[in-house]
Amino acid sequence: VRLRGHFFPFTEPSVEVDVSCFNCNNGWMPDG
């Protein structure tokens, strides 16, 4: 997971949370 800075009224600091893709290899499919 990675955290990116964001804004929500009820949290400080606020973050968006991403999960590493489980469908590919770093953004690319086996066929390129």
PDB file of all heavy atoms in Angstrom:
ATOM      1  N   VAL A   1       0.839  -1.194   0.000  1.00  0.00           N
ATOM      2  CA  VAL A   1       0.000   0.000   0.000  1.00  0.00           C
ATOM      3  C   VAL A   1       0.869   1.235   0.000  1.00  0.00           C
ATOM      4  O   VAL A   1       2.020   1.214   0.442  1.00  0.00           O
ATOM      5  CB  VAL A   1      -0.953   0.034   1.227  1.00  0.00           C
ATOM      6  CG1 VAL A   1      -1.928  -1.121   1.194  1.00  0.00           C
ATOM      7  CG2 VAL A   1      -0.177   0.058   2.526  1.00  0.00           C
ATOM      8  N   ARG A   2       0.321   2.326  -0.511  1.00  0.00           N
ATOM      9  CA  ARG A   2       0.998   3.612  -0.437  1.00  0.00           C
ATOM     10  C   ARG A   2      -0.006   4.678  -0.028  1.00  0.00           C
ATOM     11  O   ARG A   2      -1.203   4.557  -0.306  1.00  0.00           O
ATOM     12  CB  ARG A   2       1.658   3.971  -1.770  1.00  0.00           C
ATOM     13  CG  ARG A   2       0.684   4.367  -2.869  1.00  0.00           C
ATOM     14  CD  ARG A   2       1.399   4.819  -4.136  1.00  0.00           C
ATOM     15  NE  ARG A   2       0.431   5.240  -5.166  1.00  0.00           N
ATOM     16  CZ  ARG A   2       0.786   5.672  -6.367  1.00  0.00           C
ATOM     17  NH1 ARG A   2       2.072   5.721  -6.727  1.00  0.00           N
ATOM     18  NH2 ARG A   2      -0.133   6.041  -7.240  1.00  0.00           N
ATOM     19  N   LEU A   3       0.491   5.708   0.627  1.00  0.00           N
ATOM     20  CA  LEU A   3      -0.345   6.808   1.088  1.00  0.00           C
ATOM     21  C   LEU A   3      -0.002   8.058   0.292  1.00  0.00           C
ATOM     22  O   LEU A   3       1.182   8.398   0.113  1.00  0.00           O
ATOM     23  CB  LEU A   3      -0.121   7.067   2.585  1.00  0.00           C
ATOM     24  CG  LEU A   3      -0.204   5.862   3.525  1.00  0.00           C
ATOM     25  CD1 LEU A   3      -0.036   6.315   4.974  1.00  0.00           C
ATOM     26  CD2 LEU A   3      -1.515   5.115   3.353  1.00  0.00           C
ATOM     27  N   ARG A   4      -1.022   8.764  -0.185  1.00  0.00           N
ATOM     28  CA  ARG A   4      -0.834  10.027  -0.895  1.00  0.00           C
ATOM     29  C   ARG A   4      -1.582  11.126  -0.157  1.00  0.00           C
ATOM     30  O   ARG A   4      -2.714  10.922   0.300  1.00  0.00           O
ATOM     31  CB  ARG A   4      -1.377   9.924  -2.329  1.00  0.00           C
ATOM     32  CG  ARG A   4      -0.631   8.960  -3.216  1.00  0.00           C
ATOM     33  CD  ARG A   4      -1.251   8.879  -4.615  1.00  0.00           C
ATOM     34  NE  ARG A   4      -2.546   8.198  -4.617  1.00  0.00           N
ATOM     35  CZ  ARG A   4      -3.706   8.792  -4.746  1.00  0.00           C
ATOM     36  NH1 ARG A   4      -3.787  10.116  -4.880  1.00  0.00           N
ATOM     37  NH2 ARG A   4      -4.841   8.092  -4.754  1.00  0.00           N
ATOM     38  N   GLY A   5      -0.971  12.279  -0.038  1.00  0.00           N
ATOM     39  CA  GLY A   5      -1.604  13.384   0.661  1.00  0.00           C
ATOM     40  C   GLY A   5      -2.928  13.792   0.026  1.00  0.00           C
ATOM     41  O   GLY A   5      -3.084  13.786  -1.197  1.00  0.00           O
ATOM     42  N   HIS A   6      -3.914  14.131   0.863  1.00  0.00           N
ATOM     43  CA  HIS A   6      -5.233  14.500   0.383  1.00  0.00           C
ATOM     44  C   HIS A   6      -5.872  15.425   1.416  1.00  0.00           C
ATOM     45  O   HIS A   6      -5.198  15.905   2.331  1.00  0.00           O
ATOM     46  CB  HIS A   6      -6.085  13.240   0.162  1.00  0.00           C
ATOM     47  CG  HIS A   6      -7.279  13.460  -0.714  1.00  0.00           C
ATOM     48  ND1 HIS A   6      -7.181  13.749  -2.051  1.00  0.00           N
ATOM     49  CD2 HIS A   6      -8.606  13.436  -0.431  1.00  0.00           C
ATOM     50  CE1 HIS A   6      -8.403  13.884  -2.564  1.00  0.00           C
ATOM     51  NE2 HIS A   6      -9.287  13.703  -1.588  1.00  0.00           N
ATOM     52  N   PHE A   7      -7.188  15.676   1.277  1.00  0.00           N
ATOM     53  CA  PHE A   7      -7.905  16.480   2.268  1.00  0.00           C
ATOM     54  C   PHE A   7      -9.263  15.862   2.557  1.00  0.00           C
ATOM     55  O   PHE A   7     -10.026  15.542   1.642  1.00  0.00           O
ATOM     56  CB  PHE A   7      -8.131  17.915   1.784  1.00  0.00           C
ATOM     57  CG  PHE A   7      -9.092  18.675   2.668  1.00  0.00           C
ATOM     58  CD1 PHE A   7      -8.683  19.167   3.901  1.00  0.00           C
ATOM     59  CD2 PHE A   7     -10.423  18.851   2.292  1.00  0.00           C
ATOM     60  CE1 PHE A   7      -9.579  19.832   4.732  1.00  0.00           C
ATOM     61  CE2 PHE A   7     -11.323  19.520   3.115  1.00  0.00           C
ATOM     62  CZ  PHE A   7     -10.882  20.007   4.344  1.00  0.00           C
ATOM     63  N   PHE A   8      -9.550  15.671   3.838  1.00  0.00           N
ATOM     64  CA  PHE A   8     -10.883  15.350   4.329  1.00  0.00           C
ATOM     65  C   PHE A   8     -11.137  16.235   5.535  1.00  0.00           C
ATOM     66  O   PHE A   8     -10.218  16.481   6.333  1.00  0.00           O
ATOM     67  CB  PHE A   8     -11.001  13.868   4.727  1.00  0.00           C
ATOM     68  CG  PHE A   8     -10.762  12.917   3.590  1.00  0.00           C
ATOM     69  CD1 PHE A   8      -9.595  12.164   3.538  1.00  0.00           C
ATOM     70  CD2 PHE A   8     -11.690  12.766   2.577  1.00  0.00           C
ATOM     71  CE1 PHE A   8      -9.363  11.289   2.503  1.00  0.00           C
ATOM     72  CE2 PHE A   8     -11.475  11.885   1.538  1.00  0.00           C
ATOM     73  CZ  PHE A   8     -10.303  11.147   1.487  1.00  0.00           C
ATOM     74  N   PRO A   9     -12.360  16.739   5.704  1.00  0.00           N
ATOM     75  CA  PRO A   9     -12.618  17.683   6.798  1.00  0.00           C
ATOM     76  C   PRO A   9     -12.341  17.120   8.189  1.00  0.00           C
ATOM     77  O   PRO A   9     -11.974  17.860   9.105  1.00  0.00           O
ATOM     78  CB  PRO A   9     -14.110  18.015   6.635  1.00  0.00           C
ATOM     79  CG  PRO A   9     -14.433  17.698   5.212  1.00  0.00           C
ATOM     80  CD  PRO A   9     -13.553  16.539   4.854  1.00  0.00           C
ATOM     81  N   PHE A  10     -12.504  15.809   8.362  1.00  0.00           N
ATOM     82  CA  PHE A  10     -12.447  15.238   9.710  1.00  0.00           C
ATOM     83  C   PHE A  10     -11.146  14.509  10.006  1.00  0.00           C
ATOM     84  O   PHE A  10     -11.034  13.844  11.033  1.00  0.00           O
ATOM     85  CB  PHE A  10     -13.634  14.294   9.927  1.00  0.00           C
ATOM     86  CG  PHE A  10     -13.997  13.451   8.732  1.00  0.00           C
ATOM     87  CD1 PHE A  10     -13.430  12.215   8.539  1.00  0.00           C
ATOM     88  CD2 PHE A  10     -14.913  13.924   7.813  1.00  0.00           C
ATOM     89  CE1 PHE A  10     -13.766  11.448   7.438  1.00  0.00           C
ATOM     90  CE2 PHE A  10     -15.267  13.164   6.703  1.00  0.00           C
ATOM     91  CZ  PHE A  10     -14.683  11.912   6.513  1.00  0.00           C
ATOM     92  N   THR A  11     -10.163  14.595   9.123  1.00  0.00           N
ATOM     93  CA  THR A  11      -8.840  14.028   9.408  1.00  0.00           C
ATOM     94  C   THR A  11      -7.759  15.051   9.059  1.00  0.00           C
ATOM     95  O   THR A  11      -7.908  15.859   8.148  1.00  0.00           O
ATOM     96  CB  THR A  11      -8.600  12.743   8.589  1.00  0.00           C
ATOM     97  OG1 THR A  11      -8.854  12.997   7.195  1.00  0.00           O
ATOM     98  CG2 THR A  11      -9.478  11.614   9.082  1.00  0.00           C
ATOM     99  N   GLU A  12      -6.661  14.993   9.824  1.00  0.00           N
ATOM    100  CA  GLU A  12      -5.525  15.891   9.584  1.00  0.00           C
ATOM    101  C   GLU A  12      -4.266  15.282  10.203  1.00  0.00           C
ATOM    102  O   GLU A  12      -4.170  15.173  11.430  1.00  0.00           O
ATOM    103  CB  GLU A  12      -5.794  17.275  10.193  1.00  0.00           C
ATOM    104  CG  GLU A  12      -4.679  18.280   9.975  1.00  0.00           C
ATOM    105  CD  GLU A  12      -4.372  18.516   8.516  1.00  0.00           C
ATOM    106  OE1 GLU A  12      -5.314  18.570   7.713  1.00  0.00           O
ATOM    107  OE2 GLU A  12      -3.174  18.640   8.184  1.00  0.00           O
ATOM    108  N   PRO A  13      -3.298  14.855   9.397  1.00  0.00           N
ATOM    109  CA  PRO A  13      -3.292  14.888   7.932  1.00  0.00           C
ATOM    110  C   PRO A  13      -4.228  13.830   7.348  1.00  0.00           C
ATOM    111  O   PRO A  13      -4.589  12.871   8.006  1.00  0.00           O
ATOM    112  CB  PRO A  13      -1.834  14.578   7.590  1.00  0.00           C
ATOM    113  CG  PRO A  13      -1.366  13.726   8.732  1.00  0.00           C
ATOM    114  CD  PRO A  13      -2.039  14.284   9.944  1.00  0.00           C
ATOM    115  N   SER A  14      -4.598  14.054   6.065  1.00  0.00           N
ATOM    116  CA  SER A  14      -5.464  13.138   5.342  1.00  0.00           C
ATOM    117  C   SER A  14      -4.690  12.491   4.202  1.00  0.00           C
ATOM    118  O   SER A  14      -3.761  13.103   3.641  1.00  0.00           O
ATOM    119  CB  SER A  14      -6.678  13.873   4.762  1.00  0.00           C
ATOM    120  OG  SER A  14      -7.416  14.525   5.771  1.00  0.00           O
ATOM    121  N   VAL A  15      -5.068  11.267   3.866  1.00  0.00           N
ATOM    122  CA  VAL A  15      -4.366  10.545   2.798  1.00  0.00           C
ATOM    123  C   VAL A  15      -5.360   9.765   1.958  1.00  0.00           C
ATOM    124  O   VAL A  15      -6.423   9.356   2.434  1.00  0.00           O
ATOM    125  CB  VAL A  15      -3.302   9.570   3.363  1.00  0.00           C
ATOM    126  CG1 VAL A  15      -2.179  10.328   4.045  1.00  0.00           C
ATOM    127  CG2 VAL A  15      -3.930   8.556   4.317  1.00  0.00           C
ATOM    128  N   GLU A  16      -5.012   9.591   0.690  1.00  0.00           N
ATOM    129  CA  GLU A  16      -5.653   8.586  -0.147  1.00  0.00           C
ATOM    130  C   GLU A  16      -4.786   7.343  -0.081  1.00  0.00           C
ATOM    131  O   GLU A  16      -3.548   7.434  -0.040  1.00  0.00           O
ATOM    132  CB  GLU A  16      -5.756   9.060  -1.600  1.00  0.00           C
ATOM    133  CG  GLU A  16      -6.739  10.198  -1.808  1.00  0.00           C
ATOM    134  CD  GLU A  16      -8.164   9.712  -1.982  1.00  0.00           C
ATOM    135  OE1 GLU A  16      -8.417   8.530  -1.665  1.00  0.00           O
ATOM    136  OE2 GLU A  16      -9.014  10.500  -2.419  1.00  0.00           O
ATOM    137  N   VAL A  17      -5.397   6.177  -0.066  1.00  0.00           N
ATOM    138  CA  VAL A  17      -4.658   4.928   0.081  1.00  0.00           C
ATOM    139  C   VAL A  17      -4.814   4.119  -1.200  1.00  0.00           C
ATOM    140  O   VAL A  17      -5.922   3.884  -1.683  1.00  0.00           O
ATOM    141  CB  VAL A  17      -5.167   4.126   1.291  1.00  0.00           C
ATOM    142  CG1 VAL A  17      -4.365   2.828   1.441  1.00  0.00           C
ATOM    143  CG2 VAL A  17      -5.059   4.964   2.561  1.00  0.00           C
ATOM    144  N   ASP A  18      -3.678   3.697  -1.751  1.00  0.00           N
ATOM    145  CA  ASP A  18      -3.651   2.866  -2.947  1.00  0.00           C
ATOM    146  C   ASP A  18      -3.110   1.489  -2.588  1.00  0.00           C
ATOM    147  O   ASP A  18      -2.281   1.338  -1.678  1.00  0.00           O
ATOM    148  CB  ASP A  18      -2.745   3.470  -4.027  1.00  0.00           C
ATOM    149  CG  ASP A  18      -3.168   4.871  -4.442  1.00  0.00           C
ATOM    150  OD1 ASP A  18      -4.370   5.165  -4.341  1.00  0.00           O
ATOM    151  OD2 ASP A  18      -2.289   5.653  -4.852  1.00  0.00           O
ATOM    152  N   VAL A  19      -3.578   0.477  -3.323  1.00  0.00           N
ATOM    153  CA  VAL A  19      -3.038  -0.872  -3.186  1.00  0.00           C
ATOM    154  C   VAL A  19      -2.357  -1.229  -4.497  1.00  0.00           C
ATOM    155  O   VAL A  19      -2.806  -0.827  -5.579  1.00  0.00           O
ATOM    156  CB  VAL A  19      -4.155  -1.883  -2.848  1.00  0.00           C
ATOM    157  CG1 VAL A  19      -5.176  -1.969  -3.957  1.00  0.00           C
ATOM    158  CG2 VAL A  19      -3.565  -3.255  -2.563  1.00  0.00           C
ATOM    159  N   SER A  20      -1.230  -1.959  -4.413  1.00  0.00           N
ATOM    160  CA  SER A  20      -0.542  -2.354  -5.636  1.00  0.00           C
ATOM    161  C   SER A  20      -1.458  -3.251  -6.465  1.00  0.00           C
ATOM    162  O   SER A  20      -2.180  -4.092  -5.935  1.00  0.00           O
ATOM    163  CB  SER A  20       0.759  -3.086  -5.301  1.00  0.00           C
ATOM    164  OG  SER A  20       0.519  -4.189  -4.452  1.00  0.00           O
ATOM    165  N   CYS A  21      -1.444  -3.031  -7.759  1.00  0.00           N
ATOM    166  CA  CYS A  21      -2.385  -3.710  -8.653  1.00  0.00           C
ATOM    167  C   CYS A  21      -2.174  -5.218  -8.614  1.00  0.00           C
ATOM    168  O   CYS A  21      -1.038  -5.708  -8.679  1.00  0.00           O
ATOM    169  CB  CYS A  21      -2.234  -3.190 -10.083  1.00  0.00           C
ATOM    170  SG  CYS A  21      -3.465  -3.880 -11.220  1.00  0.00           S
ATOM    171  N   PHE A  22      -3.256  -5.954  -8.507  1.00  0.00           N
ATOM    172  CA  PHE A  22      -3.215  -7.419  -8.437  1.00  0.00           C
ATOM    173  C   PHE A  22      -3.579  -8.052  -9.767  1.00  0.00           C
ATOM    174  O   PHE A  22      -3.770  -9.263  -9.851  1.00  0.00           O
ATOM    175  CB  PHE A  22      -4.182  -7.923  -7.348  1.00  0.00           C
ATOM    176  CG  PHE A  22      -5.499  -7.207  -7.337  1.00  0.00           C
ATOM    177  CD1 PHE A  22      -6.521  -7.579  -8.192  1.00  0.00           C
ATOM    178  CD2 PHE A  22      -5.703  -6.135  -6.487  1.00  0.00           C
ATOM    179  CE1 PHE A  22      -7.722  -6.899  -8.192  1.00  0.00           C
ATOM    180  CE2 PHE A  22      -6.913  -5.459  -6.468  1.00  0.00           C
ATOM    181  CZ  PHE A  22      -7.934  -5.843  -7.327  1.00  0.00           C
ATOM    182  N   ASN A  23      -3.656  -7.191 -10.813  1.00  0.00           N
ATOM    183  CA  ASN A  23      -4.071  -7.681 -12.128  1.00  0.00           C
ATOM    184  C   ASN A  23      -2.943  -7.660 -13.141  1.00  0.00           C
ATOM    185  O   ASN A  23      -3.107  -8.138 -14.259  1.00  0.00           O
ATOM    186  CB  ASN A  23      -5.242  -6.836 -12.643  1.00  0.00           C
ATOM    187  CG  ASN A  23      -5.897  -7.397 -13.877  1.00  0.00           C
ATOM    188  OD1 ASN A  23      -6.311  -8.552 -13.885  1.00  0.00           O
ATOM    189  ND2 ASN A  23      -5.990  -6.603 -14.945  1.00  0.00           N
ATOM    190  N   CYS A  24      -1.781  -7.092 -12.758  1.00  0.00           N
ATOM    191  CA  CYS A  24      -0.722  -6.901 -13.742  1.00  0.00           C
ATOM    192  C   CYS A  24       0.643  -6.893 -13.060  1.00  0.00           C
ATOM    193  O   CYS A  24       0.760  -7.076 -11.848  1.00  0.00           O
ATOM    194  CB  CYS A  24      -0.933  -5.580 -14.489  1.00  0.00           C
ATOM    195  SG  CYS A  24      -0.763  -4.121 -13.402  1.00  0.00           S
ATOM    196  N   ASN A  25       1.675  -6.623 -13.836  1.00  0.00           N
ATOM    197  CA  ASN A  25       3.036  -6.480 -13.326  1.00  0.00           C
ATOM    198  C   ASN A  25       3.472  -5.033 -13.510  1.00  0.00           C
ATOM    199  O   ASN A  25       3.882  -4.625 -14.584  1.00  0.00           O
ATOM    200  CB  ASN A  25       3.991  -7.438 -14.062  1.00  0.00           C
ATOM    201  CG  ASN A  25       5.420  -7.340 -13.551  1.00  0.00           C
ATOM    202  OD1 ASN A  25       5.657  -6.825 -12.450  1.00  0.00           O
ATOM    203  ND2 ASN A  25       6.373  -7.815 -14.340  1.00  0.00           N
ATOM    204  N   ASN A  26       3.284  -4.253 -12.433  1.00  0.00           N
ATOM    205  CA  ASN A  26       3.685  -2.845 -12.452  1.00  0.00           C
ATOM    206  C   ASN A  26       3.033  -2.066 -13.597  1.00  0.00           C
ATOM    207  O   ASN A  26       3.670  -1.201 -14.224  1.00  0.00           O
ATOM    208  CB  ASN A  26       5.214  -2.733 -12.548  1.00  0.00           C
ATOM    209  CG  ASN A  26       5.722  -1.375 -12.100  1.00  0.00           C
ATOM    210  OD1 ASN A  26       5.094  -0.712 -11.260  1.00  0.00           O
ATOM    211  ND2 ASN A  26       6.833  -0.939 -12.664  1.00  0.00           N
ATOM    212  N   GLY A  27       1.776  -2.366 -13.864  1.00  0.00           N
ATOM    213  CA  GLY A  27       1.033  -1.587 -14.847  1.00  0.00           C
ATOM    214  C   GLY A  27       0.919  -2.219 -16.209  1.00  0.00           C
ATOM    215  O   GLY A  27       0.206  -1.690 -17.070  1.00  0.00           O
ATOM    216  N   TRP A  28       1.606  -3.351 -16.430  1.00  0.00           N
ATOM    217  CA  TRP A  28       1.625  -3.928 -17.779  1.00  0.00           C
ATOM    218  C   TRP A  28       1.194  -5.383 -17.747  1.00  0.00           C
ATOM    219  O   TRP A  28       1.506  -6.136 -16.830  1.00  0.00           O
ATOM    220  CB  TRP A  28       3.030  -3.812 -18.394  1.00  0.00           C
ATOM    221  CG  TRP A  28       3.482  -2.382 -18.461  1.00  0.00           C
ATOM    222  CD1 TRP A  28       4.291  -1.731 -17.590  1.00  0.00           C
ATOM    223  CD2 TRP A  28       3.091  -1.431 -19.438  1.00  0.00           C
ATOM    224  NE1 TRP A  28       4.433  -0.415 -17.951  1.00  0.00           N
ATOM    225  CE2 TRP A  28       3.707  -0.198 -19.096  1.00  0.00           C
ATOM    226  CE3 TRP A  28       2.276  -1.468 -20.587  1.00  0.00           C
ATOM    227  CZ2 TRP A  28       3.541   0.952 -19.845  1.00  0.00           C
ATOM    228  CZ3 TRP A  28       2.121  -0.315 -21.338  1.00  0.00           C
ATOM    229  CH2 TRP A  28       2.755   0.885 -20.958  1.00  0.00           C
ATOM    230  N   MET A  29       0.454  -5.759 -18.782  1.00  0.00           N
ATOM    231  CA  MET A  29      -0.024  -7.128 -18.913  1.00  0.00           C
ATOM    232  C   MET A  29       1.049  -7.988 -19.571  1.00  0.00           C
ATOM    233  O   MET A  29       1.999  -7.457 -20.196  1.00  0.00           O
ATOM    234  CB  MET A  29      -1.315  -7.156 -19.744  1.00  0.00           C
ATOM    235  CG  MET A  29      -2.425  -6.272 -19.185  1.00  0.00           C
ATOM    236  SD  MET A  29      -2.932  -6.762 -17.531  1.00  0.00           S
ATOM    237  CE  MET A  29      -3.761  -8.323 -17.897  1.00  0.00           C
ATOM    238  N   PRO A  30       0.938  -9.339 -19.470  1.00  0.00           N
ATOM    239  CA  PRO A  30       1.956 -10.204 -20.080  1.00  0.00           C
ATOM    240  C   PRO A  30       2.140  -9.993 -21.574  1.00  0.00           C
ATOM    241  O   PRO A  30       3.240 -10.215 -22.106  1.00  0.00           O
ATOM    242  CB  PRO A  30       1.425 -11.614 -19.784  1.00  0.00           C
ATOM    243  CG  PRO A  30       0.613 -11.458 -18.531  1.00  0.00           C
ATOM    244  CD  PRO A  30      -0.020 -10.099 -18.655  1.00  0.00           C
ATOM    245  N   ASP A  31       1.098  -9.548 -22.274  1.00  0.00           N
ATOM    246  CA  ASP A  31       1.232  -9.338 -23.724  1.00  0.00           C
ATOM    247  C   ASP A  31       1.801  -7.967 -24.058  1.00  0.00           C
ATOM    248  O   ASP A  31       1.867  -7.583 -25.233  1.00  0.00           O
ATOM    249  CB  ASP A  31      -0.117  -9.529 -24.410  1.00  0.00           C
ATOM    250  CG  ASP A  31      -1.172  -8.529 -23.928  1.00  0.00           C
ATOM    251  OD1 ASP A  31      -0.843  -7.672 -23.082  1.00  0.00           O
ATOM    252  OD2 ASP A  31      -2.327  -8.598 -24.415  1.00  0.00           O
ATOM    253  N   GLY A  32       2.192  -7.203 -23.045  1.00  0.00           N
ATOM    254  CA  GLY A  32       2.788  -5.896 -23.278  1.00  0.00           C
ATOM    255  C   GLY A  32       1.800  -4.753 -23.308  1.00  0.00           C
ATOM    256  O   GLY A  32       2.202  -3.586 -23.435  1.00  0.00           O
TER     257      GLY A  32
END
